[in-house]
Amino acid sequence: VVITTTSFYPDRNEIMTVSNVQQGDIVEFTDRVVYQHYGGIQIFADSVDNESYTVDERAYVANLSRTIVIQADSSSLDDETGAHVMIMSGGEAYVDGVEFFRVGQKALHGRYPFHWHRVGNVS
């Protein structure tokens, strides 16, 4: 996993190896972290405009070893009907770091490997 910096120093991200997970929420690493990583939310009151502001300062943790693969089984090569992902109108999706393998359905209109169906602006 990578634990992002919570300081003003951009080079204080740390790559760690998980050695054990206890009860689903306690994670142990093979080594100690080198830098402190803050994990809190702060609320600041502004007496001028009588508002309060929340600052989320928790470090991000990302799994670097998880591979997401969307694929059809090997028999899809025979009839050329691979996997198909469709996001429908009104749906939302964020796709990053996904491998698509044996996808798309030959000669079937609208059965692309990844299909944003009438979603509109997808930027």
PDB file of N, CA and C in Angstrom:
ATOM      1  N   VAL A   1       0.848  -1.177   0.000  1.00  0.00           N
ATOM      2  CA  VAL A   1       0.000   0.000   0.000  1.00  0.00           C
ATOM      3  C   VAL A   1       0.890   1.235   0.000  1.00  0.00           C
ATOM      4  N   VAL A   2       0.310   2.340  -0.408  1.00  0.00           N
ATOM      5  CA  VAL A   2       0.994   3.621  -0.268  1.00  0.00           C
ATOM      6  C   VAL A   2       0.177   4.461   0.717  1.00  0.00           C
ATOM      7  N   ILE A   3       0.876   5.107   1.627  1.00  0.00           N
ATOM      8  CA  ILE A   3       0.260   6.036   2.571  1.00  0.00           C
ATOM      9  C   ILE A   3       0.739   7.422   2.172  1.00  0.00           C
ATOM     10  N   THR A   4      -0.192   8.308   1.848  1.00  0.00           N
ATOM     11  CA  THR A   4       0.190   9.623   1.347  1.00  0.00           C
ATOM     12  C   THR A   4       0.639  10.536   2.478  1.00  0.00           C
ATOM     13  N   THR A   5       1.419  11.510   2.098  1.00  0.00           N
ATOM     14  CA  THR A   5       1.902  12.485   3.062  1.00  0.00           C
ATOM     15  C   THR A   5       0.753  13.353   3.569  1.00  0.00           C
ATOM     16  N   THR A   6       0.877  13.782   4.807  1.00  0.00           N
ATOM     17  CA  THR A   6      -0.060  14.765   5.353  1.00  0.00           C
ATOM     18  C   THR A   6       0.706  16.005   5.789  1.00  0.00           C
ATOM     19  N   SER A   7       1.951  16.098   5.369  1.00  0.00           N
ATOM     20  CA  SER A   7       2.772  17.249   5.713  1.00  0.00           C
ATOM     21  C   SER A   7       2.914  18.149   4.490  1.00  0.00           C
ATOM     22  N   PHE A   8       3.725  19.165   4.630  1.00  0.00           N
ATOM     23  CA  PHE A   8       3.998  20.064   3.513  1.00  0.00           C
ATOM     24  C   PHE A   8       5.114  19.534   2.621  1.00  0.00           C
ATOM     25  N   TYR A   9       5.656  18.379   2.961  1.00  0.00           N
ATOM     26  CA  TYR A   9       6.743  17.789   2.192  1.00  0.00           C
ATOM     27  C   TYR A   9       6.184  16.734   1.238  1.00  0.00           C
ATOM     28  N   PRO A  10       6.233  16.984  -0.058  1.00  0.00           N
ATOM     29  CA  PRO A  10       5.612  16.056  -1.008  1.00  0.00           C
ATOM     30  C   PRO A  10       6.331  14.722  -1.148  1.00  0.00           C
ATOM     31  N   ASP A  11       7.536  14.603  -0.603  1.00  0.00           N
ATOM     32  CA  ASP A  11       8.298  13.358  -0.737  1.00  0.00           C
ATOM     33  C   ASP A  11       8.111  12.421   0.456  1.00  0.00           C
ATOM     34  N   ARG A  12       7.092  12.638   1.251  1.00  0.00           N
ATOM     35  CA  ARG A  12       6.890  11.816   2.443  1.00  0.00           C
ATOM     36  C   ARG A  12       5.756  10.810   2.298  1.00  0.00           C
ATOM     37  N   ASN A  13       5.470  10.410   1.065  1.00  0.00           N
ATOM     38  CA  ASN A  13       4.590   9.264   0.841  1.00  0.00           C
ATOM     39  C   ASN A  13       5.400   8.019   1.178  1.00  0.00           C
ATOM     40  N   GLU A  14       4.737   6.997   1.675  1.00  0.00           N
ATOM     41  CA  GLU A  14       5.468   5.784   2.045  1.00  0.00           C
ATOM     42  C   GLU A  14       4.806   4.550   1.457  1.00  0.00           C
ATOM     43  N   ILE A  15       5.624   3.708   0.860  1.00  0.00           N
ATOM     44  CA  ILE A  15       5.147   2.429   0.340  1.00  0.00           C
ATOM     45  C   ILE A  15       5.427   1.379   1.403  1.00  0.00           C
ATOM     46  N   MET A  16       4.377   0.695   1.820  1.00  0.00           N
ATOM     47  CA  MET A  16       4.471  -0.270   2.907  1.00  0.00           C
ATOM     48  C   MET A  16       3.953  -1.627   2.429  1.00  0.00           C
ATOM     49  N   THR A  17       4.407  -2.681   3.096  1.00  0.00           N
ATOM     50  CA  THR A  17       3.933  -4.033   2.819  1.00  0.00           C
ATOM     51  C   THR A  17       3.098  -4.503   3.994  1.00  0.00           C
ATOM     52  N   VAL A  18       1.878  -4.942   3.723  1.00  0.00           N
ATOM     53  CA  VAL A  18       0.970  -5.415   4.769  1.00  0.00           C
ATOM     54  C   VAL A  18       1.412  -6.810   5.196  1.00  0.00           C
ATOM     55  N   SER A  19       1.584  -7.006   6.500  1.00  0.00           N
ATOM     56  CA  SER A  19       1.956  -8.329   7.005  1.00  0.00           C
ATOM     57  C   SER A  19       0.769  -9.064   7.627  1.00  0.00           C
ATOM     58  N   ASN A  20      -0.233  -8.307   8.099  1.00  0.00           N
ATOM     59  CA  ASN A  20      -1.364  -8.947   8.764  1.00  0.00           C
ATOM     60  C   ASN A  20      -2.528  -7.963   8.855  1.00  0.00           C
ATOM     61  N   VAL A  21      -3.756  -8.482   8.791  1.00  0.00           N
ATOM     62  CA  VAL A  21      -4.961  -7.679   9.015  1.00  0.00           C
ATOM     63  C   VAL A  21      -5.757  -8.381  10.103  1.00  0.00           C
ATOM     64  N   GLN A  22      -6.014  -7.660  11.187  1.00  0.00           N
ATOM     65  CA  GLN A  22      -6.758  -8.225  12.317  1.00  0.00           C
ATOM     66  C   GLN A  22      -8.162  -7.649  12.344  1.00  0.00           C
ATOM     67  N   GLN A  23      -9.147  -8.493  12.487  1.00  0.00           N
ATOM     68  CA  GLN A  23     -10.541  -8.094  12.660  1.00  0.00           C
ATOM     69  C   GLN A  23     -11.020  -7.139  11.571  1.00  0.00           C
ATOM     70  N   GLY A  24     -10.389  -7.145  10.414  1.00  0.00           N
ATOM     71  CA  GLY A  24     -10.841  -6.350   9.294  1.00  0.00           C
ATOM     72  C   GLY A  24     -10.487  -4.883   9.329  1.00  0.00           C
ATOM     73  N   ASP A  25      -9.974  -4.355  10.459  1.00  0.00           N
ATOM     74  CA  ASP A  25      -9.683  -2.921  10.488  1.00  0.00           C
ATOM     75  C   ASP A  25      -8.349  -2.558  11.140  1.00  0.00           C
ATOM     76  N   ILE A  26      -7.605  -3.525  11.609  1.00  0.00           N
ATOM     77  CA  ILE A  26      -6.277  -3.260  12.167  1.00  0.00           C
ATOM     78  C   ILE A  26      -5.260  -3.839  11.190  1.00  0.00           C
ATOM     79  N   VAL A  27      -4.438  -2.960  10.628  1.00  0.00           N
ATOM     80  CA  VAL A  27      -3.472  -3.370   9.611  1.00  0.00           C
ATOM     81  C   VAL A  27      -2.065  -3.277  10.187  1.00  0.00           C
ATOM     82  N   GLU A  28      -1.309  -4.353  10.024  1.00  0.00           N
ATOM     83  CA  GLU A  28       0.084  -4.370  10.464  1.00  0.00           C
ATOM     84  C   GLU A  28       0.984  -4.400   9.238  1.00  0.00           C
ATOM     85  N   PHE A  29       2.122  -3.701   9.332  1.00  0.00           N
ATOM     86  CA  PHE A  29       3.078  -3.639   8.235  1.00  0.00           C
ATOM     87  C   PHE A  29       4.350  -4.385   8.597  1.00  0.00           C
ATOM     88  N   THR A  30       5.134  -4.756   7.585  1.00  0.00           N
ATOM     89  CA  THR A  30       6.394  -5.447   7.836  1.00  0.00           C
ATOM     90  C   THR A  30       7.432  -4.507   8.437  1.00  0.00           C
ATOM     91  N   ASP A  31       7.350  -3.226   8.137  1.00  0.00           N
ATOM     92  CA  ASP A  31       8.286  -2.228   8.672  1.00  0.00           C
ATOM     93  C   ASP A  31       7.503  -1.096   9.331  1.00  0.00           C
ATOM     94  N   ARG A  32       8.214  -0.301  10.116  1.00  0.00           N
ATOM     95  CA  ARG A  32       7.601   0.883  10.729  1.00  0.00           C
ATOM     96  C   ARG A  32       7.551   2.016   9.700  1.00  0.00           C
ATOM     97  N   VAL A  33       6.571   2.894   9.842  1.00  0.00           N
ATOM     98  CA  VAL A  33       6.546   4.087   8.997  1.00  0.00           C
ATOM     99  C   VAL A  33       7.679   5.007   9.434  1.00  0.00           C
ATOM    100  N   VAL A  34       8.199   5.754   8.489  1.00  0.00           N
ATOM    101  CA  VAL A  34       9.293   6.681   8.777  1.00  0.00           C
ATOM    102  C   VAL A  34       8.740   8.031   9.212  1.00  0.00           C
ATOM    103  N   TYR A  35       7.640   8.455   8.585  1.00  0.00           N
ATOM    104  CA  TYR A  35       7.069   9.780   8.830  1.00  0.00           C
ATOM    105  C   TYR A  35       5.739   9.655   9.569  1.00  0.00           C
ATOM    106  N   GLN A  36       5.376  10.732  10.237  1.00  0.00           N
ATOM    107  CA  GLN A  36       4.071  10.784  10.884  1.00  0.00           C
ATOM    108  C   GLN A  36       3.021  11.092   9.822  1.00  0.00           C
ATOM    109  N   HIS A  37       1.889  10.386   9.882  1.00  0.00           N
ATOM    110  CA  HIS A  37       0.774  10.622   8.961  1.00  0.00           C
ATOM    111  C   HIS A  37      -0.450  10.965   9.805  1.00  0.00           C
ATOM    112  N   TYR A  38      -0.903  12.196   9.693  1.00  0.00           N
ATOM    113  CA  TYR A  38      -2.027  12.687  10.492  1.00  0.00           C
ATOM    114  C   TYR A  38      -3.317  12.040  10.009  1.00  0.00           C
ATOM    115  N   GLY A  39      -4.220  11.751  10.904  1.00  0.00           N
ATOM    116  CA  GLY A  39      -5.459  11.083  10.523  1.00  0.00           C
ATOM    117  C   GLY A  39      -6.672  11.696  11.154  1.00  0.00           C
ATOM    118  N   GLY A  40      -6.880  12.986  10.967  1.00  0.00           N
ATOM    119  CA  GLY A  40      -8.015  13.619  11.622  1.00  0.00           C
ATOM    120  C   GLY A  40      -8.738  14.633  10.758  1.00  0.00           C
ATOM    121  N   ILE A  41      -9.864  15.058  11.265  1.00  0.00           N
ATOM    122  CA  ILE A  41     -10.663  16.103  10.632  1.00  0.00           C
ATOM    123  C   ILE A  41     -10.690  17.273  11.611  1.00  0.00           C
ATOM    124  N   GLN A  42     -10.387  18.455  11.116  1.00  0.00           N
ATOM    125  CA  GLN A  42     -10.398  19.638  11.974  1.00  0.00           C
ATOM    126  C   GLN A  42     -11.540  20.557  11.563  1.00  0.00           C
ATOM    127  N   ILE A  43     -12.151  21.168  12.556  1.00  0.00           N
ATOM    128  CA  ILE A  43     -13.234  22.117  12.306  1.00  0.00           C
ATOM    129  C   ILE A  43     -12.791  23.474  12.847  1.00  0.00           C
ATOM    130  N   PHE A  44     -12.841  24.469  11.986  1.00  0.00           N
ATOM    131  CA  PHE A  44     -12.428  25.821  12.351  1.00  0.00           C
ATOM    132  C   PHE A  44     -13.637  26.742  12.346  1.00  0.00           C
ATOM    133  N   ALA A  45     -13.758  27.534  13.388  1.00  0.00           N
ATOM    134  CA  ALA A  45     -14.837  28.513  13.472  1.00  0.00           C
ATOM    135  C   ALA A  45     -14.309  29.858  12.986  1.00  0.00           C
ATOM    136  N   ASP A  46     -15.105  30.519  12.175  1.00  0.00           N
ATOM    137  CA  ASP A  46     -14.751  31.849  11.683  1.00  0.00           C
ATOM    138  C   ASP A  46     -15.702  32.839  12.350  1.00  0.00           C
ATOM    139  N   SER A  47     -15.177  33.614  13.298  1.00  0.00           N
ATOM    140  CA  SER A  47     -16.024  34.540  14.049  1.00  0.00           C
ATOM    141  C   SER A  47     -16.475  35.730  13.208  1.00  0.00           C
ATOM    142  N   VAL A  48     -15.784  35.992  12.095  1.00  0.00           N
ATOM    143  CA  VAL A  48     -16.155  37.124  11.247  1.00  0.00           C
ATOM    144  C   VAL A  48     -17.473  36.858  10.533  1.00  0.00           C
ATOM    145  N   ASP A  49     -17.587  35.688   9.897  1.00  0.00           N
ATOM    146  CA  ASP A  49     -18.829  35.402   9.164  1.00  0.00           C
ATOM    147  C   ASP A  49     -19.718  34.386   9.891  1.00  0.00           C
ATOM    148  N   ASN A  50     -19.330  34.021  11.111  1.00  0.00           N
ATOM    149  CA  ASN A  50     -20.127  33.117  11.939  1.00  0.00           C
ATOM    150  C   ASN A  50     -20.351  31.753  11.288  1.00  0.00           C
ATOM    151  N   GLU A  51     -19.375  31.300  10.531  1.00  0.00           N
ATOM    152  CA  GLU A  51     -19.441  30.005   9.867  1.00  0.00           C
ATOM    153  C   GLU A  51     -18.367  29.095  10.454  1.00  0.00           C
ATOM    154  N   SER A  52     -18.503  27.794  10.200  1.00  0.00           N
ATOM    155  CA  SER A  52     -17.435  26.863  10.560  1.00  0.00           C
ATOM    156  C   SER A  52     -17.005  26.123   9.298  1.00  0.00           C
ATOM    157  N   TYR A  53     -15.740  25.760   9.251  1.00  0.00           N
ATOM    158  CA  TYR A  53     -15.167  25.117   8.076  1.00  0.00           C
ATOM    159  C   TYR A  53     -14.495  23.820   8.490  1.00  0.00           C
ATOM    160  N   THR A  54     -14.733  22.781   7.731  1.00  0.00           N
ATOM    161  CA  THR A  54     -14.169  21.473   8.017  1.00  0.00           C
ATOM    162  C   THR A  54     -13.014  21.196   7.066  1.00  0.00           C
ATOM    163  N   VAL A  55     -11.891  20.767   7.623  1.00  0.00           N
ATOM    164  CA  VAL A  55     -10.723  20.409   6.825  1.00  0.00           C
ATOM    165  C   VAL A  55     -10.407  18.941   7.103  1.00  0.00           C
ATOM    166  N   ASP A  56     -10.535  18.108   6.080  1.00  0.00           N
ATOM    167  CA  ASP A  56     -10.235  16.684   6.190  1.00  0.00           C
ATOM    168  C   ASP A  56      -8.751  16.490   5.906  1.00  0.00           C
ATOM    169  N   GLU A  57      -8.001  16.158   6.930  1.00  0.00           N
ATOM    170  CA  GLU A  57      -6.544  16.037   6.792  1.00  0.00           C
ATOM    171  C   GLU A  57      -6.064  14.590   6.941  1.00  0.00           C
ATOM    172  N   ARG A  58      -6.947  13.652   6.712  1.00  0.00           N
ATOM    173  CA  ARG A  58      -6.551  12.252   6.815  1.00  0.00           C
ATOM    174  C   ARG A  58      -5.711  11.846   5.610  1.00  0.00           C
ATOM    175  N   ALA A  59      -4.737  10.991   5.848  1.00  0.00           N
ATOM    176  CA  ALA A  59      -3.901  10.481   4.757  1.00  0.00           C
ATOM    177  C   ALA A  59      -4.731   9.520   3.903  1.00  0.00           C
ATOM    178  N   TYR A  60      -4.457   9.506   2.612  1.00  0.00           N
ATOM    179  CA  TYR A  60      -5.047   8.506   1.727  1.00  0.00           C
ATOM    180  C   TYR A  60      -4.202   7.251   1.793  1.00  0.00           C
ATOM    181  N   VAL A  61      -4.841   6.108   1.700  1.00  0.00           N
ATOM    182  CA  VAL A  61      -4.141   4.830   1.619  1.00  0.00           C
ATOM    183  C   VAL A  61      -4.652   4.127   0.377  1.00  0.00           C
ATOM    184  N   ALA A  62      -3.724   3.716  -0.483  1.00  0.00           N
ATOM    185  CA  ALA A  62      -4.122   3.067  -1.738  1.00  0.00           C
ATOM    186  C   ALA A  62      -3.476   1.695  -1.831  1.00  0.00           C
ATOM    187  N   ASN A  63      -4.260   0.742  -2.285  1.00  0.00           N
ATOM    188  CA  ASN A  63      -3.762  -0.615  -2.486  1.00  0.00           C
ATOM    189  C   ASN A  63      -3.042  -0.666  -3.830  1.00  0.00           C
ATOM    190  N   LEU A  64      -1.760  -0.925  -3.820  1.00  0.00           N
ATOM    191  CA  LEU A  64      -0.967  -0.942  -5.051  1.00  0.00           C
ATOM    192  C   LEU A  64      -0.945  -2.306  -5.721  1.00  0.00           C
ATOM    193  N   SER A  65      -1.386  -3.344  -5.038  1.00  0.00           N
ATOM    194  CA  SER A  65      -1.273  -4.684  -5.607  1.00  0.00           C
ATOM    195  C   SER A  65      -2.574  -5.220  -6.184  1.00  0.00           C
ATOM    196  N   ARG A  66      -3.671  -4.557  -5.931  1.00  0.00           N
ATOM    197  CA  ARG A  66      -4.945  -5.059  -6.442  1.00  0.00           C
ATOM    198  C   ARG A  66      -5.027  -4.802  -7.934  1.00  0.00           C
ATOM    199  N   THR A  67      -5.339  -5.836  -8.650  1.00  0.00           N
ATOM    200  CA  THR A  67      -5.515  -5.721 -10.084  1.00  0.00           C
ATOM    201  C   THR A  67      -6.978  -6.010 -10.393  1.00  0.00           C
ATOM    202  N   ILE A  68      -7.609  -5.097 -11.098  1.00  0.00           N
ATOM    203  CA  ILE A  68      -9.000  -5.299 -11.490  1.00  0.00           C
ATOM    204  C   ILE A  68      -9.002  -5.685 -12.961  1.00  0.00           C
ATOM    205  N   VAL A  69      -9.532  -6.858 -13.259  1.00  0.00           N
ATOM    206  CA  VAL A  69      -9.607  -7.345 -14.636  1.00  0.00           C
ATOM    207  C   VAL A  69     -11.057  -7.701 -14.915  1.00  0.00           C
ATOM    208  N   ILE A  70     -11.588  -7.125 -15.975  1.00  0.00           N
ATOM    209  CA  ILE A  70     -12.923  -7.497 -16.447  1.00  0.00           C
ATOM    210  C   ILE A  70     -12.697  -8.302 -17.707  1.00  0.00           C
ATOM    211  N   GLN A  71     -13.143  -9.567 -17.678  1.00  0.00           N
ATOM    212  CA  GLN A  71     -12.858 -10.438 -18.815  1.00  0.00           C
ATOM    213  C   GLN A  71     -13.932 -11.495 -18.986  1.00  0.00           C
ATOM    214  N   ALA A  72     -14.034 -11.966 -20.209  1.00  0.00           N
ATOM    215  CA  ALA A  72     -14.895 -13.104 -20.506  1.00  0.00           C
ATOM    216  C   ALA A  72     -14.053 -14.366 -20.369  1.00  0.00           C
ATOM    217  N   ASP A  73     -14.719 -15.515 -20.247  1.00  0.00           N
ATOM    218  CA  ASP A  73     -13.942 -16.756 -20.173  1.00  0.00           C
ATOM    219  C   ASP A  73     -13.413 -17.129 -21.561  1.00  0.00           C
ATOM    220  N   SER A  74     -12.566 -18.114 -21.611  1.00  0.00           N
ATOM    221  CA  SER A  74     -11.894 -18.459 -22.869  1.00  0.00           C
ATOM    222  C   SER A  74     -12.849 -18.941 -23.951  1.00  0.00           C
ATOM    223  N   SER A  75     -14.034 -19.436 -23.578  1.00  0.00           N
ATOM    224  CA  SER A  75     -14.995 -19.890 -24.597  1.00  0.00           C
ATOM    225  C   SER A  75     -15.551 -18.723 -25.409  1.00  0.00           C
ATOM    226  N   SER A  76     -15.385 -17.498 -24.926  1.00  0.00           N
ATOM    227  CA  SER A  76     -15.878 -16.334 -25.661  1.00  0.00           C
ATOM    228  C   SER A  76     -15.126 -16.150 -26.971  1.00  0.00           C
ATOM    229  N   LEU A  77     -13.947 -16.742 -27.078  1.00  0.00           N
ATOM    230  CA  LEU A  77     -13.189 -16.645 -28.324  1.00  0.00           C
ATOM    231  C   LEU A  77     -13.885 -17.398 -29.450  1.00  0.00           C
ATOM    232  N   ASP A  78     -14.626 -18.455 -29.119  1.00  0.00           N
ATOM    233  CA  ASP A  78     -15.309 -19.258 -30.136  1.00  0.00           C
ATOM    234  C   ASP A  78     -16.463 -18.505 -30.788  1.00  0.00           C
ATOM    235  N   ASP A  79     -17.319 -17.871 -29.988  1.00  0.00           N
ATOM    236  CA  ASP A  79     -18.494 -17.189 -30.552  1.00  0.00           C
ATOM    237  C   ASP A  79     -18.338 -15.669 -30.605  1.00  0.00           C
ATOM    238  N   GLU A  80     -17.179 -15.170 -30.206  1.00  0.00           N
ATOM    239  CA  GLU A  80     -16.844 -13.741 -30.253  1.00  0.00           C
ATOM    240  C   GLU A  80     -17.826 -12.869 -29.480  1.00  0.00           C
ATOM    241  N   THR A  81     -18.266 -13.371 -28.341  1.00  0.00           N
ATOM    242  CA  THR A  81     -19.102 -12.569 -27.446  1.00  0.00           C
ATOM    243  C   THR A  81     -18.385 -12.431 -26.112  1.00  0.00           C
ATOM    244  N   GLY A  82     -17.583 -11.388 -26.027  1.00  0.00           N
ATOM    245  CA  GLY A  82     -16.799 -11.154 -24.828  1.00  0.00           C
ATOM    246  C   GLY A  82     -17.565 -10.380 -23.776  1.00  0.00           C
ATOM    247  N   ALA A  83     -16.849  -9.980 -22.769  1.00  0.00           N
ATOM    248  CA  ALA A  83     -17.430  -9.216 -21.668  1.00  0.00           C
ATOM    249  C   ALA A  83     -17.894  -7.849 -22.173  1.00  0.00           C
ATOM    250  N   HIS A  84     -18.826  -7.265 -21.440  1.00  0.00           N
ATOM    251  CA  HIS A  84     -19.416  -5.996 -21.840  1.00  0.00           C
ATOM    252  C   HIS A  84     -19.797  -5.228 -20.585  1.00  0.00           C
ATOM    253  N   VAL A  85     -19.358  -3.972 -20.488  1.00  0.00           N
ATOM    254  CA  VAL A  85     -19.706  -3.106 -19.360  1.00  0.00           C
ATOM    255  C   VAL A  85     -20.517  -1.948 -19.918  1.00  0.00           C
ATOM    256  N   MET A  86     -21.688  -1.697 -19.350  1.00  0.00           N
ATOM    257  CA  MET A  86     -22.529  -0.591 -19.816  1.00  0.00           C
ATOM    258  C   MET A  86     -22.945   0.272 -18.639  1.00  0.00           C
ATOM    259  N   ILE A  87     -22.666   1.568 -18.746  1.00  0.00           N
ATOM    260  CA  ILE A  87     -23.138   2.541 -17.772  1.00  0.00           C
ATOM    261  C   ILE A  87     -24.349   3.212 -18.401  1.00  0.00           C
ATOM    262  N   MET A  88     -25.483   3.084 -17.770  1.00  0.00           N
ATOM    263  CA  MET A  88     -26.745   3.567 -18.332  1.00  0.00           C
ATOM    264  C   MET A  88     -26.996   5.031 -17.961  1.00  0.00           C
ATOM    265  N   SER A  89     -27.923   5.645 -18.674  1.00  0.00           N
ATOM    266  CA  SER A  89     -28.315   7.021 -18.410  1.00  0.00           C
ATOM    267  C   SER A  89     -28.683   7.179 -16.935  1.00  0.00           C
ATOM    268  N   GLY A  90     -28.120   8.195 -16.300  1.00  0.00           N
ATOM    269  CA  GLY A  90     -28.354   8.424 -14.878  1.00  0.00           C
ATOM    270  C   GLY A  90     -27.349   7.711 -13.985  1.00  0.00           C
ATOM    271  N   GLY A  91     -26.564   6.800 -14.579  1.00  0.00           N
ATOM    272  CA  GLY A  91     -25.566   6.068 -13.798  1.00  0.00           C
ATOM    273  C   GLY A  91     -24.285   6.862 -13.648  1.00  0.00           C
ATOM    274  N   GLU A  92     -23.457   6.464 -12.722  1.00  0.00           N
ATOM    275  CA  GLU A  92     -22.159   7.090 -12.496  1.00  0.00           C
ATOM    276  C   GLU A  92     -21.111   6.003 -12.404  1.00  0.00           C
ATOM    277  N   ALA A  93     -19.920   6.309 -12.891  1.00  0.00           N
ATOM    278  CA  ALA A  93     -18.814   5.356 -12.775  1.00  0.00           C
ATOM    279  C   ALA A  93     -17.508   6.103 -12.784  1.00  0.00           C
ATOM    280  N   TYR A  94     -16.566   5.607 -12.013  1.00  0.00           N
ATOM    281  CA  TYR A  94     -15.187   6.088 -12.045  1.00  0.00           C
ATOM    282  C   TYR A  94     -14.335   4.854 -12.308  1.00  0.00           C
ATOM    283  N   VAL A  95     -13.661   4.851 -13.440  1.00  0.00           N
ATOM    284  CA  VAL A  95     -12.888   3.685 -13.852  1.00  0.00           C
ATOM    285  C   VAL A  95     -11.440   4.114 -13.998  1.00  0.00           C
ATOM    286  N   ASP A  96     -10.566   3.454 -13.263  1.00  0.00           N
ATOM    287  CA  ASP A  96      -9.142   3.787 -13.323  1.00  0.00           C
ATOM    288  C   ASP A  96      -8.351   2.535 -12.997  1.00  0.00           C
ATOM    289  N   GLY A  97      -7.367   2.239 -13.803  1.00  0.00           N
ATOM    290  CA  GLY A  97      -6.510   1.096 -13.539  1.00  0.00           C
ATOM    291  C   GLY A  97      -7.188  -0.239 -13.755  1.00  0.00           C
ATOM    292  N   VAL A  98      -8.140  -0.300 -14.652  1.00  0.00           N
ATOM    293  CA  VAL A  98      -8.872  -1.526 -14.921  1.00  0.00           C
ATOM    294  C   VAL A  98      -8.386  -2.111 -16.238  1.00  0.00           C
ATOM    295  N   GLU A  99      -8.134  -3.410 -16.239  1.00  0.00           N
ATOM    296  CA  GLU A  99      -7.752  -4.104 -17.473  1.00  0.00           C
ATOM    297  C   GLU A  99      -8.983  -4.790 -18.046  1.00  0.00           C
ATOM    298  N   PHE A 100      -9.203  -4.598 -19.337  1.00  0.00           N
ATOM    299  CA  PHE A 100     -10.298  -5.261 -20.041  1.00  0.00           C
ATOM    300  C   PHE A 100      -9.677  -6.305 -20.965  1.00  0.00           C
ATOM    301  N   PHE A 101     -10.130  -7.552 -20.879  1.00  0.00           N
ATOM    302  CA  PHE A 101      -9.538  -8.645 -21.646  1.00  0.00           C
ATOM    303  C   PHE A 101     -10.655  -9.524 -22.187  1.00  0.00           C
ATOM    304  N   ARG A 102     -10.582  -9.854 -23.459  1.00  0.00           N
ATOM    305  CA  ARG A 102     -11.639 -10.622 -24.147  1.00  0.00           C
ATOM    306  C   ARG A 102     -12.985  -9.920 -23.964  1.00  0.00           C
ATOM    307  N   VAL A 103     -13.041  -8.686 -24.466  1.00  0.00           N
ATOM    308  CA  VAL A 103     -14.243  -7.873 -24.315  1.00  0.00           C
ATOM    309  C   VAL A 103     -14.792  -7.469 -25.678  1.00  0.00           C
ATOM    310  N   GLY A 104     -16.031  -7.034 -25.684  1.00  0.00           N
ATOM    311  CA  GLY A 104     -16.711  -6.645 -26.919  1.00  0.00           C
ATOM    312  C   GLY A 104     -17.457  -7.829 -27.508  1.00  0.00           C
ATOM    313  N   GLN A 105     -18.531  -7.520 -28.225  1.00  0.00           N
ATOM    314  CA  GLN A 105     -19.365  -8.569 -28.800  1.00  0.00           C
ATOM    315  C   GLN A 105     -19.538  -8.289 -30.285  1.00  0.00           C
ATOM    316  N   LYS A 106     -18.847  -9.064 -31.089  1.00  0.00           N
ATOM    317  CA  LYS A 106     -18.783  -8.850 -32.531  1.00  0.00           C
ATOM    318  C   LYS A 106     -20.173  -8.884 -33.160  1.00  0.00           C
ATOM    319  N   ALA A 107     -20.388  -7.905 -34.030  1.00  0.00           N
ATOM    320  CA  ALA A 107     -21.616  -7.804 -34.836  1.00  0.00           C
ATOM    321  C   ALA A 107     -22.867  -7.515 -34.014  1.00  0.00           C
ATOM    322  N   LEU A 108     -22.720  -7.115 -32.760  1.00  0.00           N
ATOM    323  CA  LEU A 108     -23.871  -6.721 -31.954  1.00  0.00           C
ATOM    324  C   LEU A 108     -23.767  -5.226 -31.687  1.00  0.00           C
ATOM    325  N   HIS A 109     -24.679  -4.463 -32.257  1.00  0.00           N
ATOM    326  CA  HIS A 109     -24.665  -3.019 -32.107  1.00  0.00           C
ATOM    327  C   HIS A 109     -24.790  -2.638 -30.628  1.00  0.00           C
ATOM    328  N   GLY A 110     -23.943  -1.723 -30.195  1.00  0.00           N
ATOM    329  CA  GLY A 110     -24.006  -1.230 -28.824  1.00  0.00           C
ATOM    330  C   GLY A 110     -23.365  -2.147 -27.800  1.00  0.00           C
ATOM    331  N   ARG A 111     -22.692  -3.166 -28.231  1.00  0.00           N
ATOM    332  CA  ARG A 111     -22.049  -4.089 -27.291  1.00  0.00           C
ATOM    333  C   ARG A 111     -20.532  -3.934 -27.359  1.00  0.00           C
ATOM    334  N   TYR A 112     -20.120  -2.679 -27.102  1.00  0.00           N
ATOM    335  CA  TYR A 112     -18.705  -2.345 -27.101  1.00  0.00           C
ATOM    336  C   TYR A 112     -18.084  -2.876 -25.809  1.00  0.00           C
ATOM    337  N   PRO A 113     -16.764  -2.912 -25.724  1.00  0.00           N
ATOM    338  CA  PRO A 113     -16.156  -3.341 -24.460  1.00  0.00           C
ATOM    339  C   PRO A 113     -16.617  -2.503 -23.267  1.00  0.00           C
ATOM    340  N   PHE A 114     -16.664  -1.182 -23.451  1.00  0.00           N
ATOM    341  CA  PHE A 114     -17.112  -0.289 -22.389  1.00  0.00           C
ATOM    342  C   PHE A 114     -18.052   0.716 -23.029  1.00  0.00           C
ATOM    343  N   HIS A 115     -19.268   0.798 -22.547  1.00  0.00           N
ATOM    344  CA  HIS A 115     -20.321   1.541 -23.233  1.00  0.00           C
ATOM    345  C   HIS A 115     -20.988   2.535 -22.279  1.00  0.00           C
ATOM    346  N   TRP A 116     -20.808   3.819 -22.577  1.00  0.00           N
ATOM    347  CA  TRP A 116     -21.542   4.856 -21.848  1.00  0.00           C
ATOM    348  C   TRP A 116     -22.833   5.070 -22.611  1.00  0.00           C
ATOM    349  N   HIS A 117     -23.936   4.461 -22.186  1.00  0.00           N
ATOM    350  CA  HIS A 117     -25.187   4.491 -22.941  1.00  0.00           C
ATOM    351  C   HIS A 117     -26.032   5.704 -22.577  1.00  0.00           C
ATOM    352  N   ARG A 118     -26.052   6.663 -23.497  1.00  0.00           N
ATOM    353  CA  ARG A 118     -26.867   7.874 -23.337  1.00  0.00           C
ATOM    354  C   ARG A 118     -26.656   8.567 -21.998  1.00  0.00           C
ATOM    355  N   VAL A 119     -25.425   8.593 -21.560  1.00  0.00           N
ATOM    356  CA  VAL A 119     -25.109   9.192 -20.271  1.00  0.00           C
ATOM    357  C   VAL A 119     -24.967  10.698 -20.395  1.00  0.00           C
ATOM    358  N   GLY A 120     -24.567  11.179 -21.567  1.00  0.00           N
ATOM    359  CA  GLY A 120     -24.340  12.605 -21.743  1.00  0.00           C
ATOM    360  C   GLY A 120     -22.869  12.928 -21.576  1.00  0.00           C
ATOM    361  N   ASN A 121     -22.568  14.053 -20.962  1.00  0.00           N
ATOM    362  CA  ASN A 121     -21.189  14.480 -20.770  1.00  0.00           C
ATOM    363  C   ASN A 121     -20.504  13.551 -19.770  1.00  0.00           C
ATOM    364  N   VAL A 122     -19.435  12.901 -20.191  1.00  0.00           N
ATOM    365  CA  VAL A 122     -18.731  11.962 -19.313  1.00  0.00           C
ATOM    366  C   VAL A 122     -17.341  12.443 -18.937  1.00  0.00           C
ATOM    367  N   SER A 123     -17.107  13.756 -19.091  1.00  0.00           N
ATOM    368  CA  SER A 123     -15.771  14.266 -18.750  1.00  0.00           C
ATOM    369  C   SER A 123     -15.563  14.372 -17.257  1.00  0.00           C
TER     370      SER A 123
END
